[in-house]
């Protein structure tokens, strides 16, 4: 389950930010998890609760947002929504899509003390 290592990376980021921005507690972490990121939100939630124990983020709430995935169709040059990699363009049926969003896993917001 690679979500555990992702949570360890989130904790490392939180520790770095705490040292830089002088806070001692994290109450809420908001993350964007794109549908094409290969991250399972339930596993991320489980890993977050386990990894944050005993840290400055113990008891913090993890809020997961799922922004939509989009791609640029290289046939009709429209930006279109996609559900999976290798979808066809819903506008023209083209098969050459370049993903422009939906692969991200990023911390969007923190609530700290």
N, C-alpha and C. Protein backbone atom coordinates (compact mmCIF):
# COMPACT_ATOMS: atom_id res chain seq x y z
N UNK A 1 0.85 -1.18 0.00
CA UNK A 1 0.00 0.00 0.00
C UNK A 1 0.90 1.24 0.00
N UNK A 2 1.02 1.88 -1.15
CA UNK A 2 1.91 3.04 -1.25
C UNK A 2 1.33 4.27 -0.58
N UNK A 3 0.06 4.24 -0.19
CA UNK A 3 -0.53 5.37 0.50
C UNK A 3 0.15 5.64 1.84
N UNK A 4 0.67 4.60 2.49
CA UNK A 4 1.39 4.80 3.75
C UNK A 4 2.63 5.66 3.52
N UNK A 5 3.39 5.35 2.47
CA UNK A 5 4.58 6.16 2.20
C UNK A 5 4.19 7.58 1.78
N UNK A 6 3.06 7.73 1.12
CA UNK A 6 2.58 9.08 0.79
C UNK A 6 2.25 9.85 2.06
N UNK A 7 1.66 9.18 3.03
CA UNK A 7 1.36 9.83 4.31
C UNK A 7 2.63 10.20 5.06
N UNK A 8 3.65 9.36 4.97
CA UNK A 8 4.93 9.70 5.59
C UNK A 8 5.53 10.94 4.92
N UNK A 9 5.36 11.06 3.62
CA UNK A 9 5.83 12.26 2.91
C UNK A 9 5.03 13.49 3.33
N UNK A 10 3.72 13.32 3.51
CA UNK A 10 2.90 14.44 3.99
C UNK A 10 3.39 14.88 5.37
N UNK A 11 3.66 13.93 6.25
CA UNK A 11 4.17 14.27 7.59
C UNK A 11 5.50 15.02 7.50
N UNK A 12 6.38 14.58 6.62
CA UNK A 12 7.67 15.28 6.45
C UNK A 12 7.44 16.72 5.99
N UNK A 13 6.50 16.92 5.09
CA UNK A 13 6.17 18.28 4.64
C UNK A 13 5.63 19.10 5.79
N UNK A 14 4.75 18.51 6.59
CA UNK A 14 4.19 19.22 7.74
C UNK A 14 5.28 19.62 8.73
N UNK A 15 6.22 18.73 9.00
CA UNK A 15 7.32 19.04 9.92
C UNK A 15 8.18 20.17 9.37
N UNK A 16 8.49 20.12 8.09
CA UNK A 16 9.28 21.19 7.47
C UNK A 16 8.57 22.54 7.57
N UNK A 17 7.28 22.54 7.26
CA UNK A 17 6.50 23.78 7.32
C UNK A 17 6.39 24.29 8.75
N UNK A 18 6.24 23.37 9.72
CA UNK A 18 6.15 23.78 11.12
C UNK A 18 7.44 24.47 11.55
N UNK A 19 8.58 23.93 11.16
CA UNK A 19 9.86 24.54 11.51
C UNK A 19 10.01 25.90 10.83
N UNK A 20 9.58 26.00 9.60
CA UNK A 20 9.71 27.25 8.85
C UNK A 20 8.72 28.32 9.31
N UNK A 21 7.46 27.89 9.57
CA UNK A 21 6.39 28.86 9.86
C UNK A 21 6.04 28.94 11.34
N UNK A 22 6.77 28.20 12.17
CA UNK A 22 6.65 28.29 13.63
C UNK A 22 5.24 27.95 14.14
N UNK A 23 4.75 26.77 13.78
CA UNK A 23 3.52 26.28 14.40
C UNK A 23 3.81 24.93 15.05
N UNK A 24 2.96 24.55 15.99
CA UNK A 24 3.23 23.34 16.77
C UNK A 24 2.16 22.27 16.63
N UNK A 25 1.05 22.62 16.01
CA UNK A 25 -0.05 21.65 15.88
C UNK A 25 -0.75 21.83 14.55
N UNK A 26 -1.10 20.70 13.93
CA UNK A 26 -1.89 20.71 12.70
C UNK A 26 -3.26 20.15 13.04
N UNK A 27 -4.29 20.93 12.72
CA UNK A 27 -5.66 20.50 13.03
C UNK A 27 -6.38 19.93 11.82
N UNK A 28 -6.01 20.42 10.64
CA UNK A 28 -6.70 19.98 9.43
C UNK A 28 -5.75 20.04 8.25
N UNK A 29 -5.81 19.01 7.42
CA UNK A 29 -5.01 18.95 6.20
C UNK A 29 -5.97 18.69 5.05
N UNK A 30 -5.99 19.59 4.09
CA UNK A 30 -6.84 19.44 2.90
C UNK A 30 -5.95 19.06 1.73
N UNK A 31 -6.27 17.95 1.10
CA UNK A 31 -5.48 17.49 -0.04
C UNK A 31 -6.38 17.31 -1.26
N UNK A 32 -5.80 17.55 -2.42
CA UNK A 32 -6.45 17.24 -3.69
C UNK A 32 -5.86 15.94 -4.20
N UNK A 33 -6.73 14.99 -4.50
CA UNK A 33 -6.31 13.69 -5.01
C UNK A 33 -7.00 13.50 -6.36
N UNK A 34 -6.23 13.64 -7.42
CA UNK A 34 -6.79 13.49 -8.75
C UNK A 34 -7.23 12.06 -9.01
N UNK A 35 -8.29 11.88 -9.81
CA UNK A 35 -8.78 10.53 -10.09
C UNK A 35 -7.81 9.67 -10.90
N UNK A 36 -6.81 10.29 -11.50
CA UNK A 36 -5.82 9.54 -12.27
C UNK A 36 -4.51 9.38 -11.50
N UNK A 37 -4.51 9.71 -10.21
CA UNK A 37 -3.28 9.70 -9.41
C UNK A 37 -2.89 8.31 -8.90
N UNK A 38 -3.76 7.34 -9.06
CA UNK A 38 -3.52 5.99 -8.54
C UNK A 38 -3.42 5.98 -7.01
N UNK A 39 -4.13 6.90 -6.37
CA UNK A 39 -4.19 6.96 -4.92
C UNK A 39 -5.62 6.62 -4.51
N UNK A 40 -5.76 5.66 -3.61
CA UNK A 40 -7.06 5.26 -3.10
C UNK A 40 -7.38 6.12 -1.88
N UNK A 41 -8.41 6.97 -1.96
CA UNK A 41 -8.71 7.88 -0.85
C UNK A 41 -8.94 7.17 0.49
N UNK A 42 -9.62 6.04 0.51
CA UNK A 42 -9.85 5.34 1.78
C UNK A 42 -8.54 4.86 2.39
N UNK A 43 -7.65 4.36 1.56
CA UNK A 43 -6.35 3.90 2.04
C UNK A 43 -5.51 5.09 2.52
N UNK A 44 -5.63 6.22 1.83
CA UNK A 44 -4.91 7.43 2.25
C UNK A 44 -5.41 7.87 3.63
N UNK A 45 -6.72 7.84 3.83
CA UNK A 45 -7.29 8.22 5.12
C UNK A 45 -6.80 7.30 6.22
N UNK A 46 -6.82 6.00 5.98
CA UNK A 46 -6.34 5.03 6.96
C UNK A 46 -4.86 5.28 7.28
N UNK A 47 -4.04 5.43 6.24
CA UNK A 47 -2.62 5.66 6.43
C UNK A 47 -2.34 6.95 7.17
N UNK A 48 -3.12 7.98 6.88
CA UNK A 48 -2.95 9.28 7.54
C UNK A 48 -3.15 9.14 9.04
N UNK A 49 -4.24 8.48 9.43
CA UNK A 49 -4.52 8.32 10.86
C UNK A 49 -3.41 7.54 11.57
N UNK A 50 -2.87 6.54 10.91
CA UNK A 50 -1.81 5.72 11.50
C UNK A 50 -0.49 6.50 11.59
N UNK A 51 -0.10 7.12 10.50
CA UNK A 51 1.21 7.79 10.42
C UNK A 51 1.26 9.04 11.31
N UNK A 52 0.15 9.73 11.48
CA UNK A 52 0.16 10.98 12.24
C UNK A 52 0.17 10.77 13.76
N UNK A 53 -0.06 9.54 14.22
CA UNK A 53 -0.05 9.28 15.67
C UNK A 53 1.30 9.68 16.27
N UNK A 54 1.24 10.41 17.38
CA UNK A 54 2.46 10.83 18.07
C UNK A 54 3.18 11.99 17.42
N UNK A 55 2.56 12.62 16.42
CA UNK A 55 3.21 13.72 15.71
C UNK A 55 2.44 15.02 15.95
N UNK A 56 2.91 16.10 15.38
CA UNK A 56 2.23 17.39 15.49
C UNK A 56 0.86 17.37 14.80
N UNK A 57 0.57 16.32 14.03
CA UNK A 57 -0.71 16.22 13.34
C UNK A 57 -1.59 15.11 13.90
N UNK A 58 -1.24 14.60 15.09
CA UNK A 58 -2.09 13.57 15.68
C UNK A 58 -3.48 14.15 15.92
N UNK A 59 -4.50 13.44 15.48
CA UNK A 59 -5.88 13.90 15.62
C UNK A 59 -6.33 14.88 14.56
N UNK A 60 -5.44 15.25 13.67
CA UNK A 60 -5.82 16.18 12.60
C UNK A 60 -6.84 15.53 11.67
N UNK A 61 -7.69 16.35 11.12
CA UNK A 61 -8.69 15.87 10.16
C UNK A 61 -8.09 15.95 8.76
N UNK A 62 -8.22 14.88 8.02
CA UNK A 62 -7.80 14.86 6.62
C UNK A 62 -9.03 15.05 5.75
N UNK A 63 -9.04 16.12 4.96
CA UNK A 63 -10.13 16.38 4.02
C UNK A 63 -9.60 16.13 2.61
N UNK A 64 -10.26 15.23 1.91
CA UNK A 64 -9.82 14.84 0.57
C UNK A 64 -10.80 15.36 -0.46
N UNK A 65 -10.29 16.16 -1.39
CA UNK A 65 -11.08 16.64 -2.52
C UNK A 65 -10.66 15.87 -3.76
N UNK A 66 -11.61 15.63 -4.64
CA UNK A 66 -11.35 14.88 -5.88
C UNK A 66 -11.64 15.79 -7.08
N UNK A 67 -10.69 16.65 -7.44
CA UNK A 67 -10.94 17.52 -8.61
C UNK A 67 -11.05 16.67 -9.87
N UNK A 68 -11.81 17.12 -10.84
CA UNK A 68 -12.00 16.33 -12.07
C UNK A 68 -10.73 16.26 -12.91
N UNK A 69 -10.65 15.19 -13.67
CA UNK A 69 -9.53 15.03 -14.60
C UNK A 69 -9.91 15.64 -15.94
N UNK A 70 -8.94 16.27 -16.57
CA UNK A 70 -9.16 16.86 -17.90
C UNK A 70 -7.98 16.53 -18.79
N UNK A 71 -8.25 16.60 -20.09
CA UNK A 71 -7.21 16.34 -21.07
C UNK A 71 -7.42 17.26 -22.26
N UNK A 72 -6.35 17.53 -22.95
CA UNK A 72 -6.41 18.28 -24.21
C UNK A 72 -6.46 17.27 -25.34
N UNK A 73 -7.50 17.39 -26.16
CA UNK A 73 -7.60 16.52 -27.33
C UNK A 73 -6.69 17.09 -28.41
N UNK A 74 -5.76 16.29 -28.87
CA UNK A 74 -4.81 16.75 -29.89
C UNK A 74 -5.39 16.64 -31.29
N UNK A 75 -6.64 16.18 -31.39
CA UNK A 75 -7.33 16.13 -32.68
C UNK A 75 -8.19 17.38 -32.86
N UNK A 76 -9.06 17.67 -31.87
CA UNK A 76 -9.96 18.83 -32.01
C UNK A 76 -9.51 20.03 -31.16
N UNK A 77 -8.47 19.87 -30.38
CA UNK A 77 -7.87 20.92 -29.56
C UNK A 77 -8.83 21.50 -28.52
N UNK A 78 -9.71 20.65 -28.00
CA UNK A 78 -10.59 21.07 -26.91
C UNK A 78 -10.10 20.43 -25.61
N UNK A 79 -10.35 21.13 -24.51
CA UNK A 79 -10.11 20.55 -23.20
C UNK A 79 -11.38 19.81 -22.81
N UNK A 80 -11.22 18.53 -22.47
CA UNK A 80 -12.38 17.68 -22.22
C UNK A 80 -12.21 16.92 -20.91
N UNK A 81 -13.33 16.57 -20.27
CA UNK A 81 -13.24 15.74 -19.06
C UNK A 81 -12.90 14.30 -19.43
N UNK A 82 -12.13 13.65 -18.57
CA UNK A 82 -11.82 12.23 -18.78
C UNK A 82 -12.04 11.49 -17.46
N UNK A 83 -12.38 10.23 -17.56
CA UNK A 83 -12.59 9.40 -16.39
C UNK A 83 -11.39 8.49 -16.13
N UNK A 84 -10.73 8.09 -17.23
CA UNK A 84 -9.61 7.16 -17.16
C UNK A 84 -8.56 7.58 -18.19
N UNK A 85 -7.36 7.11 -17.97
CA UNK A 85 -6.33 7.29 -19.00
C UNK A 85 -6.79 6.54 -20.24
N UNK A 86 -6.42 6.99 -21.35
CA UNK A 86 -6.71 6.36 -22.63
C UNK A 86 -8.18 6.42 -23.01
N UNK A 87 -8.96 7.32 -22.36
CA UNK A 87 -10.32 7.58 -22.84
C UNK A 87 -10.23 8.20 -24.23
N UNK A 88 -11.31 8.13 -24.97
CA UNK A 88 -11.38 8.86 -26.23
C UNK A 88 -12.05 10.20 -25.98
N UNK A 89 -11.85 11.13 -26.87
CA UNK A 89 -12.42 12.46 -26.74
C UNK A 89 -13.95 12.37 -26.86
N UNK A 90 -14.68 12.91 -25.88
CA UNK A 90 -16.14 12.87 -25.95
C UNK A 90 -16.70 13.81 -27.02
N UNK A 91 -15.88 14.72 -27.53
CA UNK A 91 -16.33 15.68 -28.54
C UNK A 91 -16.18 15.14 -29.96
N UNK A 92 -14.99 14.57 -30.24
CA UNK A 92 -14.72 14.15 -31.63
C UNK A 92 -14.37 12.67 -31.77
N UNK A 93 -14.21 11.98 -30.65
CA UNK A 93 -13.84 10.57 -30.70
C UNK A 93 -12.35 10.34 -30.88
N UNK A 94 -11.57 11.41 -30.90
CA UNK A 94 -10.12 11.29 -31.08
C UNK A 94 -9.48 10.50 -29.95
N UNK A 95 -8.41 9.82 -30.28
CA UNK A 95 -7.73 8.97 -29.30
C UNK A 95 -6.45 9.60 -28.75
N UNK A 96 -6.06 10.75 -29.27
CA UNK A 96 -4.83 11.40 -28.82
C UNK A 96 -5.17 12.47 -27.79
N UNK A 97 -5.23 12.06 -26.53
CA UNK A 97 -5.52 12.98 -25.44
C UNK A 97 -4.29 13.16 -24.57
N UNK A 98 -4.01 14.40 -24.22
CA UNK A 98 -2.90 14.71 -23.33
C UNK A 98 -3.50 15.18 -22.00
N UNK A 99 -3.29 14.40 -20.95
CA UNK A 99 -3.84 14.72 -19.63
C UNK A 99 -3.25 16.04 -19.14
N UNK A 100 -4.13 16.96 -18.70
CA UNK A 100 -3.68 18.25 -18.19
C UNK A 100 -3.95 18.42 -16.70
N UNK A 101 -4.87 17.63 -16.16
CA UNK A 101 -5.11 17.65 -14.72
C UNK A 101 -5.76 16.33 -14.32
N UNK A 102 -5.64 16.01 -13.04
CA UNK A 102 -6.23 14.79 -12.53
C UNK A 102 -5.22 13.79 -12.02
N UNK A 103 -3.93 14.09 -12.18
CA UNK A 103 -2.88 13.20 -11.69
C UNK A 103 -2.30 13.67 -10.36
N UNK A 104 -2.79 14.79 -9.87
CA UNK A 104 -2.16 15.43 -8.72
C UNK A 104 -2.49 14.76 -7.39
N UNK A 105 -1.56 14.91 -6.50
CA UNK A 105 -1.76 14.66 -5.07
C UNK A 105 -1.03 15.82 -4.41
N UNK A 106 -1.79 16.78 -3.91
CA UNK A 106 -1.13 17.97 -3.34
C UNK A 106 -1.88 18.46 -2.11
N UNK A 107 -1.10 19.02 -1.21
CA UNK A 107 -1.67 19.65 -0.04
C UNK A 107 -2.17 21.03 -0.49
N UNK A 108 -3.45 21.25 -0.33
CA UNK A 108 -4.06 22.50 -0.77
C UNK A 108 -4.16 23.52 0.36
N UNK A 109 -4.39 23.02 1.59
CA UNK A 109 -4.63 23.93 2.71
C UNK A 109 -4.31 23.23 4.03
N UNK A 110 -3.85 24.02 4.99
CA UNK A 110 -3.58 23.52 6.34
C UNK A 110 -4.27 24.44 7.35
N UNK A 111 -4.77 23.84 8.42
CA UNK A 111 -5.21 24.60 9.58
C UNK A 111 -4.26 24.25 10.70
N UNK A 112 -3.57 25.26 11.21
CA UNK A 112 -2.50 25.02 12.19
C UNK A 112 -2.65 25.97 13.38
N UNK A 113 -1.95 25.60 14.46
CA UNK A 113 -1.92 26.45 15.66
C UNK A 113 -0.47 26.70 16.03
